[in-house]
Amino acid sequence: MKFDARSIARAGVIAGVYAGLCLLLAPISYEVFQVRVAEALTVLPIVWPEAVVGLACGALIANLAGPLGVFDVIFGTAATAIAACLTYRFRHARVAYAFPIIINGIVVGAYVPFITGMEIHFWTIPAAMLVVAAGEAVAVLALGLPLLHALRRTGIVD
């Protein structure tokens, strides 16, 4: 992966848009019931390797400024970074779209009930994982895929 001025700028724009969307749409970007619209950008490593860095930085900024604290900063940012790396690694396969959904569903769903003060039962964590994954699927499949197609259609990416 080369980091010329254009790719560094692109990573910065992706980070800024990701963080900005999270903060602008904070009521639906945090908590267990969420559709983090910024996660639509997790399809971008399919076309731009520098999107991996942009997404990781954007998630870090959004989670530092968000209401969920240190667990979200560490584990939420790591989940987005790992999912972005895997999306890039498998960018030529349809499975690439699944990584943000599965990884964020498992990781974020595992800790958000604890830090949001939910009453914990035997079903709380698996239910939270499914709910977070469902919100992630909306962001990736309903918003991210059309974004990717629009970028290709307009010639912004090949």
N, C-alpha and C. Protein backbone atom coordinates (compact mmCIF):
# COMPACT_ATOMS: atom_id res chain seq x y z
N MET A 1 0.85 -1.17 0.00
CA MET A 1 0.00 0.00 0.00
C MET A 1 0.89 1.23 0.00
N LYS A 2 0.71 2.09 -0.99
CA LYS A 2 1.50 3.31 -1.05
C LYS A 2 0.72 4.44 -0.38
N PHE A 3 1.46 5.29 0.29
CA PHE A 3 0.83 6.42 0.95
C PHE A 3 1.37 7.71 0.34
N ASP A 4 0.77 8.11 -0.76
CA ASP A 4 1.10 9.40 -1.36
C ASP A 4 0.14 10.44 -0.79
N ALA A 5 0.28 11.67 -1.23
CA ALA A 5 -0.53 12.76 -0.69
C ALA A 5 -2.02 12.50 -0.90
N ARG A 6 -2.38 11.96 -2.05
CA ARG A 6 -3.79 11.69 -2.34
C ARG A 6 -4.38 10.64 -1.40
N SER A 7 -3.64 9.56 -1.16
CA SER A 7 -4.18 8.50 -0.30
C SER A 7 -4.23 8.95 1.16
N ILE A 8 -3.26 9.75 1.59
CA ILE A 8 -3.30 10.29 2.96
C ILE A 8 -4.50 11.23 3.11
N ALA A 9 -4.72 12.07 2.11
CA ALA A 9 -5.88 12.97 2.16
C ALA A 9 -7.18 12.18 2.16
N ARG A 10 -7.25 11.14 1.35
CA ARG A 10 -8.45 10.31 1.30
C ARG A 10 -8.71 9.64 2.65
N ALA A 11 -7.66 9.12 3.28
CA ALA A 11 -7.81 8.51 4.60
C ALA A 11 -8.32 9.54 5.60
N GLY A 12 -7.80 10.76 5.52
CA GLY A 12 -8.25 11.83 6.42
C GLY A 12 -9.70 12.20 6.21
N VAL A 13 -10.11 12.27 4.96
CA VAL A 13 -11.51 12.59 4.66
C VAL A 13 -12.42 11.48 5.18
N ILE A 14 -12.04 10.23 4.97
CA ILE A 14 -12.83 9.10 5.45
C ILE A 14 -12.94 9.16 6.97
N ALA A 15 -11.83 9.43 7.65
CA ALA A 15 -11.85 9.53 9.12
C ALA A 15 -12.78 10.65 9.56
N GLY A 16 -12.68 11.80 8.91
CA GLY A 16 -13.52 12.94 9.28
C GLY A 16 -15.00 12.69 9.03
N VAL A 17 -15.31 12.09 7.89
CA VAL A 17 -16.72 11.79 7.58
C VAL A 17 -17.26 10.76 8.55
N TYR A 18 -16.47 9.73 8.85
CA TYR A 18 -16.91 8.70 9.79
C TYR A 18 -17.21 9.32 11.16
N ALA A 19 -16.25 10.06 11.70
CA ALA A 19 -16.43 10.67 13.02
C ALA A 19 -17.58 11.67 13.00
N GLY A 20 -17.65 12.47 11.95
CA GLY A 20 -18.71 13.46 11.85
C GLY A 20 -20.09 12.85 11.81
N LEU A 21 -20.26 11.78 11.03
CA LEU A 21 -21.55 11.11 10.96
C LEU A 21 -21.94 10.52 12.31
N CYS A 22 -20.98 9.91 13.00
CA CYS A 22 -21.28 9.34 14.32
C CYS A 22 -21.75 10.41 15.29
N LEU A 23 -21.05 11.51 15.31
CA LEU A 23 -21.39 12.57 16.27
C LEU A 23 -22.66 13.30 15.86
N LEU A 24 -22.85 13.53 14.57
CA LEU A 24 -24.05 14.19 14.09
C LEU A 24 -25.29 13.33 14.37
N LEU A 25 -25.13 12.03 14.21
CA LEU A 25 -26.24 11.09 14.41
C LEU A 25 -26.06 10.30 15.71
N ALA A 26 -25.53 10.95 16.72
CA ALA A 26 -25.21 10.29 17.99
C ALA A 26 -26.36 9.48 18.59
N PRO A 27 -27.60 9.95 18.54
CA PRO A 27 -28.67 9.15 19.15
C PRO A 27 -28.83 7.75 18.55
N ILE A 28 -28.42 7.56 17.29
CA ILE A 28 -28.51 6.23 16.69
C ILE A 28 -27.14 5.60 16.44
N SER A 29 -26.07 6.26 16.88
CA SER A 29 -24.72 5.75 16.64
C SER A 29 -24.13 5.01 17.83
N TYR A 30 -24.73 5.16 18.98
CA TYR A 30 -24.22 4.55 20.20
C TYR A 30 -25.37 3.80 20.86
N GLU A 31 -25.09 3.02 21.86
CA GLU A 31 -26.07 2.21 22.58
C GLU A 31 -26.23 0.85 21.91
N VAL A 32 -27.14 0.03 22.45
CA VAL A 32 -27.36 -1.31 21.92
C VAL A 32 -28.16 -1.24 20.62
N PHE A 33 -29.26 -0.48 20.64
CA PHE A 33 -30.08 -0.33 19.45
C PHE A 33 -29.49 0.80 18.63
N GLN A 34 -28.70 0.42 17.63
CA GLN A 34 -27.99 1.42 16.84
C GLN A 34 -27.97 1.05 15.37
N VAL A 35 -27.97 2.08 14.56
CA VAL A 35 -27.62 1.97 13.16
C VAL A 35 -26.57 3.05 12.97
N ARG A 36 -25.33 2.66 13.12
CA ARG A 36 -24.23 3.62 12.97
C ARG A 36 -24.03 3.85 11.48
N VAL A 37 -24.67 4.90 10.99
CA VAL A 37 -24.67 5.22 9.56
C VAL A 37 -23.24 5.28 9.02
N ALA A 38 -22.31 5.75 9.83
CA ALA A 38 -20.91 5.86 9.40
C ALA A 38 -20.33 4.50 9.00
N GLU A 39 -20.89 3.43 9.50
CA GLU A 39 -20.40 2.10 9.15
C GLU A 39 -20.68 1.75 7.69
N ALA A 40 -21.47 2.55 7.01
CA ALA A 40 -21.63 2.37 5.56
C ALA A 40 -20.29 2.53 4.86
N LEU A 41 -19.40 3.31 5.47
CA LEU A 41 -18.08 3.54 4.88
C LEU A 41 -17.17 2.32 4.98
N THR A 42 -17.58 1.30 5.73
CA THR A 42 -16.73 0.12 5.87
C THR A 42 -16.59 -0.67 4.58
N VAL A 43 -17.34 -0.32 3.55
CA VAL A 43 -17.14 -0.96 2.24
C VAL A 43 -15.97 -0.35 1.47
N LEU A 44 -15.50 0.80 1.90
CA LEU A 44 -14.46 1.52 1.15
C LEU A 44 -13.11 0.81 1.05
N PRO A 45 -12.70 -0.04 2.02
CA PRO A 45 -11.45 -0.78 1.81
C PRO A 45 -11.48 -1.71 0.60
N ILE A 46 -12.65 -1.98 0.08
CA ILE A 46 -12.76 -2.80 -1.13
C ILE A 46 -12.12 -2.08 -2.31
N VAL A 47 -12.17 -0.74 -2.30
CA VAL A 47 -11.63 0.03 -3.44
C VAL A 47 -10.41 0.87 -3.08
N TRP A 48 -10.25 1.21 -1.83
CA TRP A 48 -9.13 2.05 -1.41
C TRP A 48 -8.47 1.46 -0.16
N PRO A 49 -7.24 0.98 -0.25
CA PRO A 49 -6.57 0.42 0.93
C PRO A 49 -6.44 1.42 2.07
N GLU A 50 -6.26 2.69 1.74
CA GLU A 50 -6.10 3.71 2.79
C GLU A 50 -7.37 3.92 3.60
N ALA A 51 -8.48 3.38 3.13
CA ALA A 51 -9.72 3.45 3.90
C ALA A 51 -9.60 2.69 5.21
N VAL A 52 -8.74 1.69 5.27
CA VAL A 52 -8.53 0.95 6.52
C VAL A 52 -8.05 1.90 7.61
N VAL A 53 -7.06 2.72 7.30
CA VAL A 53 -6.53 3.70 8.26
C VAL A 53 -7.58 4.76 8.56
N GLY A 54 -8.27 5.23 7.53
CA GLY A 54 -9.29 6.24 7.72
C GLY A 54 -10.41 5.77 8.63
N LEU A 55 -10.86 4.54 8.43
CA LEU A 55 -11.93 4.00 9.27
C LEU A 55 -11.48 3.82 10.72
N ALA A 56 -10.26 3.32 10.90
CA ALA A 56 -9.74 3.13 12.26
C ALA A 56 -9.62 4.48 12.98
N CYS A 57 -9.08 5.46 12.29
CA CYS A 57 -8.94 6.80 12.90
C CYS A 57 -10.30 7.43 13.15
N GLY A 58 -11.22 7.29 12.21
CA GLY A 58 -12.56 7.84 12.39
C GLY A 58 -13.28 7.20 13.56
N ALA A 59 -13.16 5.88 13.69
CA ALA A 59 -13.78 5.19 14.82
C ALA A 59 -13.16 5.63 16.14
N LEU A 60 -11.85 5.79 16.15
CA LEU A 60 -11.18 6.25 17.37
C LEU A 60 -11.69 7.63 17.77
N ILE A 61 -11.75 8.55 16.84
CA ILE A 61 -12.23 9.91 17.14
C ILE A 61 -13.68 9.87 17.61
N ALA A 62 -14.53 9.13 16.90
CA ALA A 62 -15.95 9.04 17.26
C ALA A 62 -16.13 8.42 18.64
N ASN A 63 -15.34 7.40 18.95
CA ASN A 63 -15.50 6.73 20.23
C ASN A 63 -14.89 7.54 21.37
N LEU A 64 -13.83 8.30 21.10
CA LEU A 64 -13.29 9.20 22.12
C LEU A 64 -14.29 10.29 22.47
N ALA A 65 -15.00 10.79 21.48
CA ALA A 65 -15.98 11.86 21.70
C ALA A 65 -17.34 11.32 22.12
N GLY A 66 -17.55 10.04 21.97
CA GLY A 66 -18.85 9.44 22.27
C GLY A 66 -19.07 9.22 23.76
N PRO A 67 -20.27 8.76 24.10
CA PRO A 67 -20.67 8.65 25.50
C PRO A 67 -20.31 7.33 26.20
N LEU A 68 -19.73 6.37 25.49
CA LEU A 68 -19.58 5.04 26.07
C LEU A 68 -18.26 4.77 26.77
N GLY A 69 -17.31 5.66 26.67
CA GLY A 69 -16.10 5.55 27.46
C GLY A 69 -15.03 4.64 26.91
N VAL A 70 -14.15 4.23 27.83
CA VAL A 70 -12.90 3.56 27.46
C VAL A 70 -13.11 2.22 26.77
N PHE A 71 -14.13 1.46 27.14
CA PHE A 71 -14.36 0.18 26.48
C PHE A 71 -14.69 0.38 25.01
N ASP A 72 -15.49 1.39 24.71
CA ASP A 72 -15.83 1.67 23.33
C ASP A 72 -14.63 2.19 22.56
N VAL A 73 -13.82 3.00 23.23
CA VAL A 73 -12.60 3.52 22.58
C VAL A 73 -11.69 2.37 22.19
N ILE A 74 -11.48 1.44 23.10
CA ILE A 74 -10.55 0.34 22.85
C ILE A 74 -11.17 -0.72 21.95
N PHE A 75 -12.28 -1.29 22.40
CA PHE A 75 -12.84 -2.45 21.70
C PHE A 75 -13.65 -2.08 20.46
N GLY A 76 -14.37 -0.98 20.50
CA GLY A 76 -15.12 -0.53 19.32
C GLY A 76 -14.19 -0.13 18.20
N THR A 77 -13.13 0.59 18.56
CA THR A 77 -12.15 0.99 17.55
C THR A 77 -11.43 -0.24 16.99
N ALA A 78 -11.07 -1.16 17.85
CA ALA A 78 -10.40 -2.39 17.39
C ALA A 78 -11.31 -3.20 16.47
N ALA A 79 -12.59 -3.28 16.82
CA ALA A 79 -13.53 -4.03 15.97
C ALA A 79 -13.61 -3.43 14.57
N THR A 80 -13.72 -2.11 14.50
CA THR A 80 -13.79 -1.45 13.20
C THR A 80 -12.49 -1.63 12.43
N ALA A 81 -11.35 -1.52 13.11
CA ALA A 81 -10.06 -1.67 12.44
C ALA A 81 -9.86 -3.10 11.92
N ILE A 82 -10.20 -4.08 12.72
CA ILE A 82 -10.06 -5.48 12.29
C ILE A 82 -11.00 -5.78 11.13
N ALA A 83 -12.24 -5.32 11.24
CA ALA A 83 -13.20 -5.54 10.15
C ALA A 83 -12.72 -4.87 8.86
N ALA A 84 -12.16 -3.67 8.97
CA ALA A 84 -11.65 -2.97 7.79
C ALA A 84 -10.48 -3.73 7.16
N CYS A 85 -9.58 -4.25 7.99
CA CYS A 85 -8.46 -5.05 7.48
C CYS A 85 -8.94 -6.29 6.74
N LEU A 86 -9.92 -6.97 7.33
CA LEU A 86 -10.44 -8.18 6.70
C LEU A 86 -11.23 -7.85 5.43
N THR A 87 -11.95 -6.75 5.44
CA THR A 87 -12.67 -6.32 4.24
C THR A 87 -11.67 -6.06 3.12
N TYR A 88 -10.57 -5.40 3.43
CA TYR A 88 -9.54 -5.17 2.43
C TYR A 88 -8.93 -6.48 1.95
N ARG A 89 -8.61 -7.36 2.89
CA ARG A 89 -7.96 -8.63 2.55
C ARG A 89 -8.82 -9.47 1.62
N PHE A 90 -10.13 -9.46 1.84
CA PHE A 90 -11.05 -10.27 1.04
C PHE A 90 -11.88 -9.41 0.08
N ARG A 91 -11.31 -8.31 -0.37
CA ARG A 91 -12.02 -7.32 -1.18
C ARG A 91 -12.57 -7.87 -2.49
N HIS A 92 -12.05 -8.97 -2.98
CA HIS A 92 -12.51 -9.54 -4.24
C HIS A 92 -13.61 -10.57 -4.05
N ALA A 93 -14.01 -10.80 -2.81
CA ALA A 93 -15.05 -11.79 -2.51
C ALA A 93 -16.24 -11.12 -1.82
N ARG A 94 -17.40 -11.69 -2.02
CA ARG A 94 -18.60 -11.13 -1.39
C ARG A 94 -18.55 -11.20 0.14
N VAL A 95 -17.77 -12.10 0.67
CA VAL A 95 -17.65 -12.23 2.12
C VAL A 95 -17.09 -10.96 2.76
N ALA A 96 -16.46 -10.11 1.98
CA ALA A 96 -15.89 -8.86 2.50
C ALA A 96 -16.95 -8.02 3.20
N TYR A 97 -18.18 -8.04 2.70
CA TYR A 97 -19.25 -7.24 3.30
C TYR A 97 -19.68 -7.78 4.66
N ALA A 98 -19.40 -9.03 4.91
CA ALA A 98 -19.85 -9.66 6.17
C ALA A 98 -18.98 -9.30 7.36
N PHE A 99 -17.72 -8.98 7.15
CA PHE A 99 -16.82 -8.76 8.27
C PHE A 99 -17.25 -7.63 9.21
N PRO A 100 -17.62 -6.46 8.71
CA PRO A 100 -18.07 -5.42 9.64
C PRO A 100 -19.32 -5.83 10.42
N ILE A 101 -20.21 -6.56 9.75
CA ILE A 101 -21.46 -6.98 10.40
C ILE A 101 -21.16 -7.97 11.52
N ILE A 102 -20.39 -8.98 11.21
CA ILE A 102 -20.11 -10.05 12.18
C ILE A 102 -19.22 -9.56 13.32
N ILE A 103 -18.13 -8.91 12.98
CA ILE A 103 -17.17 -8.50 14.02
C ILE A 103 -17.76 -7.45 14.95
N ASN A 104 -18.40 -6.42 14.40
CA ASN A 104 -19.01 -5.42 15.27
C ASN A 104 -20.17 -6.01 16.06
N GLY A 105 -20.94 -6.90 15.44
CA GLY A 105 -22.03 -7.55 16.17
C GLY A 105 -21.52 -8.29 17.38
N ILE A 106 -20.47 -9.07 17.20
CA ILE A 106 -19.93 -9.85 18.31
C ILE A 106 -19.25 -8.96 19.35
N VAL A 107 -18.32 -8.12 18.90
CA VAL A 107 -17.51 -7.33 19.84
C VAL A 107 -18.34 -6.26 20.55
N VAL A 108 -19.00 -5.41 19.77
CA VAL A 108 -19.77 -4.32 20.38
C VAL A 108 -20.95 -4.87 21.16
N GLY A 109 -21.61 -5.87 20.58
CA GLY A 109 -22.74 -6.49 21.28
C GLY A 109 -22.36 -7.13 22.60
N ALA A 110 -21.11 -7.53 22.75
CA ALA A 110 -20.65 -8.17 23.99
C ALA A 110 -20.44 -7.18 25.13
N TYR A 111 -20.07 -5.93 24.82
CA TYR A 111 -19.78 -5.01 25.93
C TYR A 111 -20.81 -3.90 26.12
N VAL A 112 -21.53 -3.55 25.09
CA VAL A 112 -22.46 -2.42 25.22
C VAL A 112 -23.54 -2.65 26.30
N PRO A 113 -24.11 -3.83 26.45
CA PRO A 113 -25.11 -3.99 27.52
C PRO A 113 -24.55 -3.69 28.91
N PHE A 114 -23.30 -4.01 29.14
CA PHE A 114 -22.69 -3.75 30.44
C PHE A 114 -22.49 -2.27 30.69
N ILE A 115 -21.99 -1.56 29.70
CA ILE A 115 -21.66 -0.15 29.94
C ILE A 115 -22.86 0.78 29.77
N THR A 116 -23.96 0.25 29.23
CA THR A 116 -25.16 1.07 29.14
C THR A 116 -26.12 0.80 30.29
N GLY A 117 -25.76 -0.11 31.17
CA GLY A 117 -26.57 -0.37 32.36
C GLY A 117 -27.78 -1.26 32.13
N MET A 118 -27.75 -2.06 31.09
CA MET A 118 -28.86 -2.98 30.85
C MET A 118 -28.90 -4.05 31.93
N GLU A 119 -30.07 -4.54 32.20
CA GLU A 119 -30.20 -5.66 33.11
C GLU A 119 -29.71 -6.91 32.37
N ILE A 120 -28.79 -7.62 32.99
CA ILE A 120 -28.14 -8.75 32.32
C ILE A 120 -28.83 -10.06 32.69
N HIS A 121 -29.26 -10.78 31.65
CA HIS A 121 -29.85 -12.12 31.78
C HIS A 121 -29.04 -13.05 30.87
N PHE A 122 -29.36 -14.32 30.87
CA PHE A 122 -28.61 -15.26 30.04
C PHE A 122 -28.73 -14.92 28.55
N TRP A 123 -29.79 -14.27 28.15
CA TRP A 123 -30.03 -13.96 26.75
C TRP A 123 -29.59 -12.55 26.35
N THR A 124 -29.20 -11.72 27.29
CA THR A 124 -28.91 -10.32 27.00
C THR A 124 -27.77 -10.15 26.00
N ILE A 125 -26.66 -10.83 26.22
CA ILE A 125 -25.49 -10.65 25.35
C ILE A 125 -25.76 -11.20 23.95
N PRO A 126 -26.28 -12.43 23.81
CA PRO A 126 -26.57 -12.88 22.44
C PRO A 126 -27.60 -11.98 21.73
N ALA A 127 -28.59 -11.50 22.46
CA ALA A 127 -29.58 -10.61 21.85
C ALA A 127 -28.93 -9.30 21.43
N ALA A 128 -28.07 -8.76 22.27
CA ALA A 128 -27.38 -7.51 21.94
C ALA A 128 -26.48 -7.71 20.72
N MET A 129 -25.81 -8.85 20.63
CA MET A 129 -24.98 -9.13 19.47
C MET A 129 -25.81 -9.16 18.19
N LEU A 130 -26.98 -9.78 18.25
CA LEU A 130 -27.85 -9.83 17.08
C LEU A 130 -28.38 -8.46 16.71
N VAL A 131 -28.74 -7.66 17.71
CA VAL A 131 -29.28 -6.32 17.44
C VAL A 131 -28.21 -5.42 16.84
N VAL A 132 -27.00 -5.46 17.39
CA VAL A 132 -25.91 -4.66 16.84
C VAL A 132 -25.58 -5.12 15.42
N ALA A 133 -25.55 -6.43 15.21
CA ALA A 133 -25.27 -6.96 13.86
C ALA A 133 -26.37 -6.54 12.87
N ALA A 134 -27.60 -6.52 13.32
CA ALA A 134 -28.71 -6.10 12.44
C ALA A 134 -28.55 -4.63 12.04
N GLY A 135 -28.22 -3.79 13.01
CA GLY A 135 -27.99 -2.38 12.70
C GLY A 135 -26.80 -2.20 11.77
N GLU A 136 -25.79 -3.00 11.98
CA GLU A 136 -24.60 -2.97 11.12
C GLU A 136 -24.95 -3.43 9.71
N ALA A 137 -25.80 -4.44 9.61
CA ALA A 137 -26.22 -4.93 8.29
C ALA A 137 -26.98 -3.84 7.53
N VAL A 138 -27.80 -3.08 8.23
CA VAL A 138 -28.51 -1.97 7.58
C VAL A 138 -27.50 -0.97 7.04
N ALA A 139 -26.52 -0.61 7.87
CA ALA A 139 -25.52 0.37 7.45
C ALA A 139 -24.70 -0.13 6.27
N VAL A 140 -24.23 -1.36 6.34
CA VAL A 140 -23.34 -1.89 5.30
C VAL A 140 -24.11 -2.23 4.02
N LEU A 141 -25.22 -2.94 4.16
CA LEU A 141 -25.91 -3.44 2.97
C LEU A 141 -26.88 -2.42 2.36
N ALA A 142 -27.60 -1.69 3.20
CA ALA A 142 -28.59 -0.74 2.67
C ALA A 142 -27.98 0.61 2.33
N LEU A 143 -26.87 0.97 2.98
CA LEU A 143 -26.24 2.26 2.72
C LEU A 143 -24.87 2.12 2.05
N GLY A 144 -24.06 1.19 2.52
CA GLY A 144 -22.69 1.04 2.01
C GLY A 144 -22.64 0.51 0.58
N LEU A 145 -23.43 -0.51 0.29
CA LEU A 145 -23.42 -1.05 -1.07
C LEU A 145 -23.89 -0.02 -2.11
N PRO A 146 -24.98 0.71 -1.86
CA PRO A 146 -25.34 1.76 -2.83
C PRO A 146 -24.25 2.84 -2.95
N LEU A 147 -23.60 3.16 -1.84
CA LEU A 147 -22.49 4.12 -1.89
C LEU A 147 -21.39 3.61 -2.81
N LEU A 148 -21.01 2.36 -2.64
CA LEU A 148 -19.97 1.76 -3.47
C LEU A 148 -20.38 1.74 -4.95
N HIS A 149 -21.61 1.38 -5.23
CA HIS A 149 -22.09 1.38 -6.61
C HIS A 149 -22.11 2.79 -7.19
N ALA A 150 -22.50 3.78 -6.39
CA ALA A 150 -22.52 5.17 -6.86
C ALA A 150 -21.09 5.65 -7.16
N LEU A 151 -20.13 5.30 -6.31
CA LEU A 151 -18.74 5.68 -6.55
C LEU A 151 -18.23 5.07 -7.85
N ARG A 152 -18.60 3.83 -8.10
CA ARG A 152 -18.18 3.16 -9.34
C ARG A 152 -18.88 3.75 -10.56
N ARG A 153 -20.16 4.02 -10.42
CA ARG A 153 -20.94 4.57 -11.53
C ARG A 153 -20.45 5.95 -11.96
N THR A 154 -20.05 6.76 -11.00
CA THR A 154 -19.59 8.11 -11.31
C THR A 154 -18.14 8.15 -11.76
N GLY A 155 -17.45 7.00 -11.68
CA GLY A 155 -16.07 6.95 -12.12
C GLY A 155 -15.06 7.39 -11.06
N ILE A 156 -15.52 7.60 -9.85
CA ILE A 156 -14.59 7.98 -8.77
C ILE A 156 -13.65 6.83 -8.44
N VAL A 157 -14.16 5.61 -8.55
CA VAL A 157 -13.31 4.43 -8.41
C VAL A 157 -13.53 3.54 -9.62
N ASP A 158 -12.58 2.65 -9.86
CA ASP A 158 -12.69 1.75 -11.01
C ASP A 158 -13.60 0.60 -10.72
